[in-house]
Amino acid sequence: MGTGQFLTAWLKKYWLLLPQKTSILIAWDEDDNTEQNRIANFLLGPYITPNTSCNLRLSHYSILKTIQDNWNLNSLERNDKNATTFLQLLKQPSIGDYLNTIRIISTLPNVSFPINA
């Protein structure tokens, strides 16, 4: 199974089971082909603006720093301490974001029933 196939299968299996406020970060490991060791990271979820891209210097430590900052956890005092977080790429939720997550599964006809006296 290729990487894309595994990821697609995982997302299809779990995405709808996760809470609606969940964001998922997909990060690739080391890049063996370039000197700058660039890797792709993808943010999925309701708080990322579609088609967002950035030129920030992010690393695997950025993932750890993002988790620490989001949940007010202490730094490990190593490379994560001064890492750039992904939080600045996420937008603050609004009532519109919440309302957009509501899905109407089916509708019922507008019917009035007489009251029997």
PDB file of N, CA and C in Angstrom:
ATOM      1  N   MET A   1       0.855  -1.178   0.000  1.00  0.00           N
ATOM      2  CA  MET A   1       0.000   0.000   0.000  1.00  0.00           C
ATOM      3  C   MET A   1       0.892   1.229   0.000  1.00  0.00           C
ATOM      4  N   GLY A   2       0.660   2.122  -0.944  1.00  0.00           N
ATOM      5  CA  GLY A   2       1.432   3.353  -1.024  1.00  0.00           C
ATOM      6  C   GLY A   2       1.012   4.349   0.042  1.00  0.00           C
ATOM      7  N   THR A   3       1.834   5.365   0.260  1.00  0.00           N
ATOM      8  CA  THR A   3       1.549   6.382   1.269  1.00  0.00           C
ATOM      9  C   THR A   3       0.205   7.048   1.033  1.00  0.00           C
ATOM     10  N   GLY A   4      -0.068   7.433  -0.181  1.00  0.00           N
ATOM     11  CA  GLY A   4      -1.335   8.094  -0.484  1.00  0.00           C
ATOM     12  C   GLY A   4      -2.527   7.199  -0.230  1.00  0.00           C
ATOM     13  N   GLN A   5      -2.383   5.915  -0.530  1.00  0.00           N
ATOM     14  CA  GLN A   5      -3.480   4.973  -0.301  1.00  0.00           C
ATOM     15  C   GLN A   5      -3.739   4.796   1.190  1.00  0.00           C
ATOM     16  N   PHE A   6      -2.669   4.689   1.987  1.00  0.00           N
ATOM     17  CA  PHE A   6      -2.829   4.538   3.432  1.00  0.00           C
ATOM     18  C   PHE A   6      -3.514   5.765   4.024  1.00  0.00           C
ATOM     19  N   LEU A   7      -3.043   6.941   3.633  1.00  0.00           N
ATOM     20  CA  LEU A   7      -3.601   8.186   4.160  1.00  0.00           C
ATOM     21  C   LEU A   7      -5.069   8.332   3.780  1.00  0.00           C
ATOM     22  N   THR A   8      -5.400   8.041   2.545  1.00  0.00           N
ATOM     23  CA  THR A   8      -6.789   8.121   2.096  1.00  0.00           C
ATOM     24  C   THR A   8      -7.665   7.164   2.886  1.00  0.00           C
ATOM     25  N   ALA A   9      -7.208   5.939   3.076  1.00  0.00           N
ATOM     26  CA  ALA A   9      -7.981   4.946   3.834  1.00  0.00           C
ATOM     27  C   ALA A   9      -8.161   5.396   5.281  1.00  0.00           C
ATOM     28  N   TRP A  10      -7.110   5.949   5.894  1.00  0.00           N
ATOM     29  CA  TRP A  10      -7.182   6.400   7.284  1.00  0.00           C
ATOM     30  C   TRP A  10      -8.174   7.546   7.423  1.00  0.00           C
ATOM     31  N   LEU A  11      -8.082   8.530   6.527  1.00  0.00           N
ATOM     32  CA  LEU A  11      -8.991   9.674   6.602  1.00  0.00           C
ATOM     33  C   LEU A  11     -10.439   9.251   6.392  1.00  0.00           C
ATOM     34  N   LYS A  12     -10.683   8.365   5.439  1.00  0.00           N
ATOM     35  CA  LYS A  12     -12.053   7.899   5.200  1.00  0.00           C
ATOM     36  C   LYS A  12     -12.603   7.179   6.426  1.00  0.00           C
ATOM     37  N   LYS A  13     -11.733   6.465   7.126  1.00  0.00           N
ATOM     38  CA  LYS A  13     -12.174   5.687   8.287  1.00  0.00           C
ATOM     39  C   LYS A  13     -12.438   6.572   9.511  1.00  0.00           C
ATOM     40  N   TYR A  14     -11.588   7.569   9.751  1.00  0.00           N
ATOM     41  CA  TYR A  14     -11.645   8.302  11.014  1.00  0.00           C
ATOM     42  C   TYR A  14     -12.175   9.728  10.932  1.00  0.00           C
ATOM     43  N   TRP A  15     -12.103  10.382   9.781  1.00  0.00           N
ATOM     44  CA  TRP A  15     -12.445  11.808   9.707  1.00  0.00           C
ATOM     45  C   TRP A  15     -13.836  12.103  10.240  1.00  0.00           C
ATOM     46  N   LEU A  16     -14.842  11.351   9.844  1.00  0.00           N
ATOM     47  CA  LEU A  16     -16.210  11.628  10.283  1.00  0.00           C
ATOM     48  C   LEU A  16     -16.455  11.229  11.734  1.00  0.00           C
ATOM     49  N   LEU A  17     -15.571  10.418  12.311  1.00  0.00           N
ATOM     50  CA  LEU A  17     -15.723  10.004  13.706  1.00  0.00           C
ATOM     51  C   LEU A  17     -15.123  11.020  14.678  1.00  0.00           C
ATOM     52  N   LEU A  18     -14.259  11.887  14.188  1.00  0.00           N
ATOM     53  CA  LEU A  18     -13.597  12.854  15.056  1.00  0.00           C
ATOM     54  C   LEU A  18     -14.536  14.001  15.396  1.00  0.00           C
ATOM     55  N   PRO A  19     -14.347  14.620  16.571  1.00  0.00           N
ATOM     56  CA  PRO A  19     -15.167  15.788  16.913  1.00  0.00           C
ATOM     57  C   PRO A  19     -15.031  16.862  15.838  1.00  0.00           C
ATOM     58  N   GLN A  20     -16.081  17.653  15.664  1.00  0.00           N
ATOM     59  CA  GLN A  20     -16.106  18.638  14.581  1.00  0.00           C
ATOM     60  C   GLN A  20     -15.077  19.746  14.743  1.00  0.00           C
ATOM     61  N   LYS A  21     -14.556  19.935  15.929  1.00  0.00           N
ATOM     62  CA  LYS A  21     -13.563  20.988  16.145  1.00  0.00           C
ATOM     63  C   LYS A  21     -12.130  20.462  16.012  1.00  0.00           C
ATOM     64  N   THR A  22     -11.979  19.243  15.547  1.00  0.00           N
ATOM     65  CA  THR A  22     -10.667  18.621  15.435  1.00  0.00           C
ATOM     66  C   THR A  22      -9.918  19.125  14.209  1.00  0.00           C
ATOM     67  N   SER A  23      -8.643  19.380  14.394  1.00  0.00           N
ATOM     68  CA  SER A  23      -7.756  19.668  13.272  1.00  0.00           C
ATOM     69  C   SER A  23      -6.741  18.542  13.193  1.00  0.00           C
ATOM     70  N   ILE A  24      -6.369  18.192  11.989  1.00  0.00           N
ATOM     71  CA  ILE A  24      -5.397  17.124  11.776  1.00  0.00           C
ATOM     72  C   ILE A  24      -4.194  17.719  11.066  1.00  0.00           C
ATOM     73  N   LEU A  25      -3.012  17.385  11.563  1.00  0.00           N
ATOM     74  CA  LEU A  25      -1.772  17.786  10.921  1.00  0.00           C
ATOM     75  C   LEU A  25      -1.136  16.542  10.321  1.00  0.00           C
ATOM     76  N   ILE A  26      -0.892  16.577   9.042  1.00  0.00           N
ATOM     77  CA  ILE A  26      -0.214  15.478   8.358  1.00  0.00           C
ATOM     78  C   ILE A  26       1.177  15.990   8.008  1.00  0.00           C
ATOM     79  N   ALA A  27       2.196  15.333   8.555  1.00  0.00           N
ATOM     80  CA  ALA A  27       3.578  15.770   8.340  1.00  0.00           C
ATOM     81  C   ALA A  27       4.391  14.628   7.747  1.00  0.00           C
ATOM     82  N   TRP A  28       5.185  14.959   6.751  1.00  0.00           N
ATOM     83  CA  TRP A  28       6.090  13.976   6.178  1.00  0.00           C
ATOM     84  C   TRP A  28       7.374  13.984   6.985  1.00  0.00           C
ATOM     85  N   ASP A  29       8.093  12.886   6.911  1.00  0.00           N
ATOM     86  CA  ASP A  29       9.360  12.780   7.612  1.00  0.00           C
ATOM     87  C   ASP A  29      10.464  13.383   6.746  1.00  0.00           C
ATOM     88  N   GLU A  30      11.682  13.028   7.012  1.00  0.00           N
ATOM     89  CA  GLU A  30      12.846  13.616   6.370  1.00  0.00           C
ATOM     90  C   GLU A  30      12.766  13.619   4.844  1.00  0.00           C
ATOM     91  N   ASP A  31      13.364  14.656   4.276  1.00  0.00           N
ATOM     92  CA  ASP A  31      13.519  14.768   2.826  1.00  0.00           C
ATOM     93  C   ASP A  31      14.965  14.419   2.506  1.00  0.00           C
ATOM     94  N   ASP A  32      15.172  13.374   1.756  1.00  0.00           N
ATOM     95  CA  ASP A  32      16.534  12.930   1.460  1.00  0.00           C
ATOM     96  C   ASP A  32      17.122  13.569   0.208  1.00  0.00           C
ATOM     97  N   ASN A  33      16.353  14.388  -0.484  1.00  0.00           N
ATOM     98  CA  ASN A  33      16.795  14.847  -1.795  1.00  0.00           C
ATOM     99  C   ASN A  33      17.221  16.305  -1.870  1.00  0.00           C
ATOM    100  N   THR A  34      16.959  17.105  -0.859  1.00  0.00           N
ATOM    101  CA  THR A  34      17.352  18.507  -0.940  1.00  0.00           C
ATOM    102  C   THR A  34      18.200  18.896   0.262  1.00  0.00           C
ATOM    103  N   GLU A  35      19.034  19.881   0.050  1.00  0.00           N
ATOM    104  CA  GLU A  35      19.908  20.345   1.115  1.00  0.00           C
ATOM    105  C   GLU A  35      19.137  20.979   2.262  1.00  0.00           C
ATOM    106  N   GLN A  36      18.021  21.647   1.948  1.00  0.00           N
ATOM    107  CA  GLN A  36      17.257  22.339   2.979  1.00  0.00           C
ATOM    108  C   GLN A  36      16.324  21.408   3.738  1.00  0.00           C
ATOM    109  N   ASN A  37      16.232  20.155   3.328  1.00  0.00           N
ATOM    110  CA  ASN A  37      15.398  19.162   4.016  1.00  0.00           C
ATOM    111  C   ASN A  37      13.959  19.649   4.168  1.00  0.00           C
ATOM    112  N   ARG A  38      13.358  20.028   3.072  1.00  0.00           N
ATOM    113  CA  ARG A  38      11.978  20.524   3.089  1.00  0.00           C
ATOM    114  C   ARG A  38      11.007  19.354   3.099  1.00  0.00           C
ATOM    115  N   ILE A  39       9.996  19.465   3.944  1.00  0.00           N
ATOM    116  CA  ILE A  39       8.960  18.434   4.021  1.00  0.00           C
ATOM    117  C   ILE A  39       7.592  19.095   3.909  1.00  0.00           C
ATOM    118  N   ALA A  40       6.648  18.337   3.431  1.00  0.00           N
ATOM    119  CA  ALA A  40       5.281  18.854   3.301  1.00  0.00           C
ATOM    120  C   ALA A  40       4.526  18.648   4.607  1.00  0.00           C
ATOM    121  N   ASN A  41       3.725  19.623   4.980  1.00  0.00           N
ATOM    122  CA  ASN A  41       2.811  19.526   6.115  1.00  0.00           C
ATOM    123  C   ASN A  41       1.444  19.983   5.634  1.00  0.00           C
ATOM    124  N   PHE A  42       0.422  19.258   6.033  1.00  0.00           N
ATOM    125  CA  PHE A  42      -0.937  19.614   5.655  1.00  0.00           C
ATOM    126  C   PHE A  42      -1.784  19.749   6.907  1.00  0.00           C
ATOM    127  N   LEU A  43      -2.523  20.847   7.008  1.00  0.00           N
ATOM    128  CA  LEU A  43      -3.474  21.047   8.101  1.00  0.00           C
ATOM    129  C   LEU A  43      -4.872  20.860   7.541  1.00  0.00           C
ATOM    130  N   LEU A  44      -5.648  20.012   8.187  1.00  0.00           N
ATOM    131  CA  LEU A  44      -7.028  19.769   7.794  1.00  0.00           C
ATOM    132  C   LEU A  44      -7.932  20.117   8.959  1.00  0.00           C
ATOM    133  N   GLY A  45      -9.063  20.729   8.690  1.00  0.00           N
ATOM    134  CA  GLY A  45     -10.007  21.007   9.757  1.00  0.00           C
ATOM    135  C   GLY A  45     -10.742  22.311   9.543  1.00  0.00           C
ATOM    136  N   PRO A  46     -11.641  22.612  10.471  1.00  0.00           N
ATOM    137  CA  PRO A  46     -12.506  23.778  10.309  1.00  0.00           C
ATOM    138  C   PRO A  46     -11.817  25.115  10.565  1.00  0.00           C
ATOM    139  N   TYR A  47     -10.619  25.118  11.136  1.00  0.00           N
ATOM    140  CA  TYR A  47      -9.979  26.376  11.504  1.00  0.00           C
ATOM    141  C   TYR A  47      -8.853  26.782  10.566  1.00  0.00           C
ATOM    142  N   ILE A  48      -8.696  26.064   9.487  1.00  0.00           N
ATOM    143  CA  ILE A  48      -7.702  26.448   8.493  1.00  0.00           C
ATOM    144  C   ILE A  48      -8.431  26.984   7.268  1.00  0.00           C
ATOM    145  N   THR A  49      -8.022  28.135   6.811  1.00  0.00           N
ATOM    146  CA  THR A  49      -8.638  28.720   5.624  1.00  0.00           C
ATOM    147  C   THR A  49      -8.228  27.900   4.403  1.00  0.00           C
ATOM    148  N   PRO A  50      -9.178  27.516   3.558  1.00  0.00           N
ATOM    149  CA  PRO A  50      -8.830  26.729   2.364  1.00  0.00           C
ATOM    150  C   PRO A  50      -7.756  27.421   1.521  1.00  0.00           C
ATOM    151  N   ASN A  51      -6.874  26.624   0.971  1.00  0.00           N
ATOM    152  CA  ASN A  51      -5.786  27.074   0.083  1.00  0.00           C
ATOM    153  C   ASN A  51      -4.735  27.928   0.784  1.00  0.00           C
ATOM    154  N   THR A  52      -4.640  27.822   2.101  1.00  0.00           N
ATOM    155  CA  THR A  52      -3.619  28.555   2.841  1.00  0.00           C
ATOM    156  C   THR A  52      -2.248  27.946   2.560  1.00  0.00           C
ATOM    157  N   SER A  53      -1.275  28.798   2.358  1.00  0.00           N
ATOM    158  CA  SER A  53       0.112  28.340   2.272  1.00  0.00           C
ATOM    159  C   SER A  53       0.957  29.338   3.050  1.00  0.00           C
ATOM    160  N   CYS A  54       2.129  28.916   3.463  1.00  0.00           N
ATOM    161  CA  CYS A  54       2.975  29.830   4.230  1.00  0.00           C
ATOM    162  C   CYS A  54       4.434  29.576   3.904  1.00  0.00           C
ATOM    163  N   ASN A  55       5.252  30.544   4.226  1.00  0.00           N
ATOM    164  CA  ASN A  55       6.695  30.433   4.037  1.00  0.00           C
ATOM    165  C   ASN A  55       7.426  30.438   5.375  1.00  0.00           C
ATOM    166  N   LEU A  56       6.706  30.131   6.452  1.00  0.00           N
ATOM    167  CA  LEU A  56       7.324  30.095   7.774  1.00  0.00           C
ATOM    168  C   LEU A  56       8.300  28.930   7.863  1.00  0.00           C
ATOM    169  N   ARG A  57       9.326  29.103   8.672  1.00  0.00           N
ATOM    170  CA  ARG A  57      10.253  27.997   8.917  1.00  0.00           C
ATOM    171  C   ARG A  57       9.638  27.127  10.016  1.00  0.00           C
ATOM    172  N   LEU A  58       9.095  26.013   9.604  1.00  0.00           N
ATOM    173  CA  LEU A  58       8.453  25.081  10.530  1.00  0.00           C
ATOM    174  C   LEU A  58       9.237  23.776  10.529  1.00  0.00           C
ATOM    175  N   SER A  59       9.226  23.098  11.663  1.00  0.00           N
ATOM    176  CA  SER A  59       9.950  21.831  11.780  1.00  0.00           C
ATOM    177  C   SER A  59       9.107  20.859  12.593  1.00  0.00           C
ATOM    178  N   HIS A  60       9.671  19.694  12.833  1.00  0.00           N
ATOM    179  CA  HIS A  60       8.971  18.738  13.686  1.00  0.00           C
ATOM    180  C   HIS A  60       8.783  19.312  15.093  1.00  0.00           C
ATOM    181  N   TYR A  61       9.706  20.170  15.511  1.00  0.00           N
ATOM    182  CA  TYR A  61       9.563  20.822  16.815  1.00  0.00           C
ATOM    183  C   TYR A  61       8.377  21.781  16.821  1.00  0.00           C
ATOM    184  N   SER A  62       8.005  22.282  15.670  1.00  0.00           N
ATOM    185  CA  SER A  62       6.832  23.160  15.568  1.00  0.00           C
ATOM    186  C   SER A  62       5.558  22.415  15.944  1.00  0.00           C
ATOM    187  N   ILE A  63       5.505  21.141  15.623  1.00  0.00           N
ATOM    188  CA  ILE A  63       4.338  20.330  15.996  1.00  0.00           C
ATOM    189  C   ILE A  63       4.238  20.267  17.515  1.00  0.00           C
ATOM    190  N   LEU A  64       5.353  19.952  18.164  1.00  0.00           N
ATOM    191  CA  LEU A  64       5.381  19.879  19.624  1.00  0.00           C
ATOM    192  C   LEU A  64       5.046  21.234  20.243  1.00  0.00           C
ATOM    193  N   LYS A  65       5.632  22.305  19.724  1.00  0.00           N
ATOM    194  CA  LYS A  65       5.377  23.657  20.247  1.00  0.00           C
ATOM    195  C   LYS A  65       3.909  24.046  20.081  1.00  0.00           C
ATOM    196  N   THR A  66       3.288  23.654  18.971  1.00  0.00           N
ATOM    197  CA  THR A  66       1.875  23.947  18.742  1.00  0.00           C
ATOM    198  C   THR A  66       1.012  23.265  19.792  1.00  0.00           C
ATOM    199  N   ILE A  67       1.294  22.013  20.077  1.00  0.00           N
ATOM    200  CA  ILE A  67       0.538  21.276  21.103  1.00  0.00           C
ATOM    201  C   ILE A  67       0.741  21.931  22.465  1.00  0.00           C
ATOM    202  N   GLN A  68       1.974  22.272  22.799  1.00  0.00           N
ATOM    203  CA  GLN A  68       2.266  22.905  24.087  1.00  0.00           C
ATOM    204  C   GLN A  68       1.529  24.234  24.235  1.00  0.00           C
ATOM    205  N   ASP A  69       1.575  25.060  23.215  1.00  0.00           N
ATOM    206  CA  ASP A  69       0.917  26.367  23.288  1.00  0.00           C
ATOM    207  C   ASP A  69      -0.598  26.235  23.331  1.00  0.00           C
ATOM    208  N   ASN A  70      -1.138  25.311  22.573  1.00  0.00           N
ATOM    209  CA  ASN A  70      -2.593  25.155  22.521  1.00  0.00           C
ATOM    210  C   ASN A  70      -3.162  24.710  23.863  1.00  0.00           C
ATOM    211  N   TRP A  71      -2.438  23.864  24.578  1.00  0.00           N
ATOM    212  CA  TRP A  71      -2.945  23.349  25.851  1.00  0.00           C
ATOM    213  C   TRP A  71      -2.188  23.921  27.050  1.00  0.00           C
ATOM    214  N   ASN A  72      -1.458  25.021  26.839  1.00  0.00           N
ATOM    215  CA  ASN A  72      -0.718  25.688  27.923  1.00  0.00           C
ATOM    216  C   ASN A  72       0.199  24.730  28.675  1.00  0.00           C
ATOM    217  N   LEU A  73       0.949  23.943  27.937  1.00  0.00           N
ATOM    218  CA  LEU A  73       1.911  23.012  28.525  1.00  0.00           C
ATOM    219  C   LEU A  73       3.298  23.640  28.522  1.00  0.00           C
ATOM    220  N   ASN A  74       4.125  23.215  29.449  1.00  0.00           N
ATOM    221  CA  ASN A  74       5.487  23.735  29.528  1.00  0.00           C
ATOM    222  C   ASN A  74       6.349  23.176  28.404  1.00  0.00           C
ATOM    223  N   SER A  75       7.364  23.936  28.069  1.00  0.00           N
ATOM    224  CA  SER A  75       8.333  23.515  27.063  1.00  0.00           C
ATOM    225  C   SER A  75       9.238  22.439  27.650  1.00  0.00           C
ATOM    226  N   LEU A  76       9.828  21.634  26.785  1.00  0.00           N
ATOM    227  CA  LEU A  76      10.824  20.663  27.229  1.00  0.00           C
ATOM    228  C   LEU A  76      12.197  21.321  27.353  1.00  0.00           C
ATOM    229  N   GLU A  77      12.252  22.643  27.071  1.00  0.00           N
ATOM    230  CA  GLU A  77      13.467  23.460  27.183  1.00  0.00           C
ATOM    231  C   GLU A  77      14.566  23.024  26.218  1.00  0.00           C
ATOM    232  N   ARG A  78      14.166  22.444  25.108  1.00  0.00           N
ATOM    233  CA  ARG A  78      15.168  22.082  24.104  1.00  0.00           C
ATOM    234  C   ARG A  78      14.811  22.799  22.813  1.00  0.00           C
ATOM    235  N   ASN A  79      14.785  22.110  21.723  1.00  0.00           N
ATOM    236  CA  ASN A  79      14.524  22.737  20.422  1.00  0.00           C
ATOM    237  C   ASN A  79      13.097  23.242  20.270  1.00  0.00           C
ATOM    238  N   ASP A  80      12.189  22.759  21.087  1.00  0.00           N
ATOM    239  CA  ASP A  80      10.793  23.198  20.987  1.00  0.00           C
ATOM    240  C   ASP A  80      10.578  24.586  21.589  1.00  0.00           C
ATOM    241  N   LYS A  81      11.453  25.013  22.464  1.00  0.00           N
ATOM    242  CA  LYS A  81      11.245  26.267  23.194  1.00  0.00           C
ATOM    243  C   LYS A  81      11.056  27.467  22.263  1.00  0.00           C
ATOM    244  N   ASN A  82      11.854  27.574  21.227  1.00  0.00           N
ATOM    245  CA  ASN A  82      11.788  28.723  20.324  1.00  0.00           C
ATOM    246  C   ASN A  82      11.237  28.372  18.945  1.00  0.00           C
ATOM    247  N   ALA A  83      10.633  27.224  18.819  1.00  0.00           N
ATOM    248  CA  ALA A  83      10.085  26.811  17.520  1.00  0.00           C
ATOM    249  C   ALA A  83       8.868  27.655  17.152  1.00  0.00           C
ATOM    250  N   THR A  84       8.643  27.810  15.871  1.00  0.00           N
ATOM    251  CA  THR A  84       7.456  28.502  15.358  1.00  0.00           C
ATOM    252  C   THR A  84       6.277  27.542  15.438  1.00  0.00           C
ATOM    253  N   THR A  85       5.112  28.043  15.841  1.00  0.00           N
ATOM    254  CA  THR A  85       3.939  27.169  15.944  1.00  0.00           C
ATOM    255  C   THR A  85       3.076  27.260  14.692  1.00  0.00           C
ATOM    256  N   PHE A  86       2.224  26.272  14.548  1.00  0.00           N
ATOM    257  CA  PHE A  86       1.238  26.266  13.477  1.00  0.00           C
ATOM    258  C   PHE A  86       0.011  27.104  13.848  1.00  0.00           C
ATOM    259  N   LEU A  87      -0.093  27.541  15.112  1.00  0.00           N
ATOM    260  CA  LEU A  87      -1.301  28.230  15.574  1.00  0.00           C
ATOM    261  C   LEU A  87      -1.589  29.507  14.792  1.00  0.00           C
ATOM    262  N   GLN A  88      -0.555  30.190  14.344  1.00  0.00           N
ATOM    263  CA  GLN A  88      -0.791  31.432  13.604  1.00  0.00           C
ATOM    264  C   GLN A  88      -1.429  31.189  12.238  1.00  0.00           C
ATOM    265  N   LEU A  89      -1.439  29.952  11.780  1.00  0.00           N
ATOM    266  CA  LEU A  89      -2.098  29.621  10.515  1.00  0.00           C
ATOM    267  C   LEU A  89      -3.574  29.308  10.704  1.00  0.00           C
ATOM    268  N   LEU A  90      -3.974  29.098  11.953  1.00  0.00           N
ATOM    269  CA  LEU A  90      -5.359  28.733  12.238  1.00  0.00           C
ATOM    270  C   LEU A  90      -6.165  29.978  12.560  1.00  0.00           C
ATOM    271  N   LYS A  91      -7.386  30.016  12.108  1.00  0.00           N
ATOM    272  CA  LYS A  91      -8.261  31.155  12.393  1.00  0.00           C
ATOM    273  C   LYS A  91      -9.090  30.854  13.636  1.00  0.00           C
ATOM    274  N   GLN A  92      -9.477  31.895  14.327  1.00  0.00           N
ATOM    275  CA  GLN A  92     -10.332  31.731  15.496  1.00  0.00           C
ATOM    276  C   GLN A  92     -11.726  31.331  15.038  1.00  0.00           C
ATOM    277  N   PRO A  93     -12.332  30.386  15.736  1.00  0.00           N
ATOM    278  CA  PRO A  93     -13.684  29.974  15.344  1.00  0.00           C
ATOM    279  C   PRO A  93     -14.692  31.096  15.555  1.00  0.00           C
ATOM    280  N   SER A  94     -15.679  31.134  14.701  1.00  0.00           N
ATOM    281  CA  SER A  94     -16.757  32.109  14.832  1.00  0.00           C
ATOM    282  C   SER A  94     -18.078  31.362  14.855  1.00  0.00           C
ATOM    283  N   ILE A  95     -19.149  32.061  15.160  1.00  0.00           N
ATOM    284  CA  ILE A  95     -20.464  31.423  15.156  1.00  0.00           C
ATOM    285  C   ILE A  95     -20.785  30.903  13.757  1.00  0.00           C
ATOM    286  N   GLY A  96     -20.321  31.607  12.736  1.00  0.00           N
ATOM    287  CA  GLY A  96     -20.539  31.145  11.362  1.00  0.00           C
ATOM    288  C   GLY A  96     -19.849  29.817  11.100  1.00  0.00           C
ATOM    289  N   ASP A  97     -18.632  29.655  11.660  1.00  0.00           N
ATOM    290  CA  ASP A  97     -17.939  28.376  11.511  1.00  0.00           C
ATOM    291  C   ASP A  97     -18.737  27.262  12.161  1.00  0.00           C
ATOM    292  N   TYR A  98     -19.288  27.560  13.338  1.00  0.00           N
ATOM    293  CA  TYR A  98     -20.087  26.550  14.024  1.00  0.00           C
ATOM    294  C   TYR A  98     -21.327  26.207  13.212  1.00  0.00           C
ATOM    295  N   LEU A  99     -22.011  27.234  12.731  1.00  0.00           N
ATOM    296  CA  LEU A  99     -23.242  26.987  11.972  1.00  0.00           C
ATOM    297  C   LEU A  99     -22.965  26.218  10.686  1.00  0.00           C
ATOM    298  N   ASN A 100     -21.792  26.426  10.104  1.00  0.00           N
ATOM    299  CA  ASN A 100     -21.447  25.699   8.886  1.00  0.00           C
ATOM    300  C   ASN A 100     -21.190  24.221   9.138  1.00  0.00           C
ATOM    301  N   THR A 101     -20.988  23.834  10.403  1.00  0.00           N
ATOM    302  CA  THR A 101     -20.760  22.420  10.701  1.00  0.00           C
ATOM    303  C   THR A 101     -22.061  21.667  10.902  1.00  0.00           C
ATOM    304  N   ILE A 102     -23.174  22.382  10.998  1.00  0.00           N
ATOM    305  CA  ILE A 102     -24.461  21.719  11.197  1.00  0.00           C
ATOM    306  C   ILE A 102     -24.909  21.126   9.870  1.00  0.00           C
ATOM    307  N   ARG A 103     -25.201  19.855   9.885  1.00  0.00           N
ATOM    308  CA  ARG A 103     -25.638  19.170   8.677  1.00  0.00           C
ATOM    309  C   ARG A 103     -27.090  18.745   8.844  1.00  0.00           C
ATOM    310  N   ILE A 104     -27.928  19.108   7.898  1.00  0.00           N
ATOM    311  CA  ILE A 104     -29.319  18.659   7.912  1.00  0.00           C
ATOM    312  C   ILE A 104     -29.366  17.355   7.139  1.00  0.00           C
ATOM    313  N   ILE A 105     -29.691  16.290   7.832  1.00  0.00           N
ATOM    314  CA  ILE A 105     -29.675  14.972   7.210  1.00  0.00           C
ATOM    315  C   ILE A 105     -30.923  14.754   6.373  1.00  0.00           C
ATOM    316  N   SER A 106     -32.042  15.150   6.882  1.00  0.00           N
ATOM    317  CA  SER A 106     -33.274  15.040   6.098  1.00  0.00           C
ATOM    318  C   SER A 106     -34.240  16.113   6.584  1.00  0.00           C
ATOM    319  N   THR A 107     -35.178  16.428   5.767  1.00  0.00           N
ATOM    320  CA  THR A 107     -36.177  17.415   6.153  1.00  0.00           C
ATOM    321  C   THR A 107     -37.539  16.754   6.157  1.00  0.00           C
ATOM    322  N   LEU A 108     -38.397  17.281   6.969  1.00  0.00           N
ATOM    323  CA  LEU A 108     -39.769  16.785   7.033  1.00  0.00           C
ATOM    324  C   LEU A 108     -40.683  17.828   6.413  1.00  0.00           C
ATOM    325  N   PRO A 109     -41.750  17.396   5.774  1.00  0.00           N
ATOM    326  CA  PRO A 109     -42.672  18.377   5.207  1.00  0.00           C
ATOM    327  C   PRO A 109     -43.329  19.184   6.319  1.00  0.00           C
ATOM    328  N   ASN A 110     -43.657  20.420   6.012  1.00  0.00           N
ATOM    329  CA  ASN A 110     -44.325  21.285   6.968  1.00  0.00           C
ATOM    330  C   ASN A 110     -45.805  20.906   6.980  1.00  0.00           C
ATOM    331  N   VAL A 111     -46.207  20.168   7.993  1.00  0.00           N
ATOM    332  CA  VAL A 111     -47.576  19.652   8.061  1.00  0.00           C
ATOM    333  C   VAL A 111     -48.215  20.121   9.356  1.00  0.00           C
ATOM    334  N   SER A 112     -49.431  20.562   9.282  1.00  0.00           N
ATOM    335  CA  SER A 112     -50.198  20.921  10.480  1.00  0.00           C
ATOM    336  C   SER A 112     -51.194  19.811  10.761  1.00  0.00           C
ATOM    337  N   PHE A 113     -51.351  19.523  12.018  1.00  0.00           N
ATOM    338  CA  PHE A 113     -52.307  18.496  12.408  1.00  0.00           C
ATOM    339  C   PHE A 113     -53.435  19.148  13.194  1.00  0.00           C
ATOM    340  N   PRO A 114     -54.675  18.860  12.862  1.00  0.00           N
ATOM    341  CA  PRO A 114     -55.797  19.450  13.601  1.00  0.00           C
ATOM    342  C   PRO A 114     -55.860  18.874  15.010  1.00  0.00           C
ATOM    343  N   ILE A 115     -56.303  19.701  15.928  1.00  0.00           N
ATOM    344  CA  ILE A 115     -56.502  19.249  17.304  1.00  0.00           C
ATOM    345  C   ILE A 115     -57.937  18.773  17.424  1.00  0.00           C
ATOM    346  N   ASN A 116     -58.090  17.549  17.856  1.00  0.00           N
ATOM    347  CA  ASN A 116     -59.445  17.004  18.053  1.00  0.00           C
ATOM    348  C   ASN A 116     -59.998  17.517  19.369  1.00  0.00           C
ATOM    349  N   ALA A 117     -61.151  18.148  19.302  1.00  0.00           N
ATOM    350  CA  ALA A 117     -61.762  18.704  20.507  1.00  0.00           C
ATOM    351  C   ALA A 117     -62.698  17.723  21.153  1.00  0.00           C
TER     352      ALA A 117
END
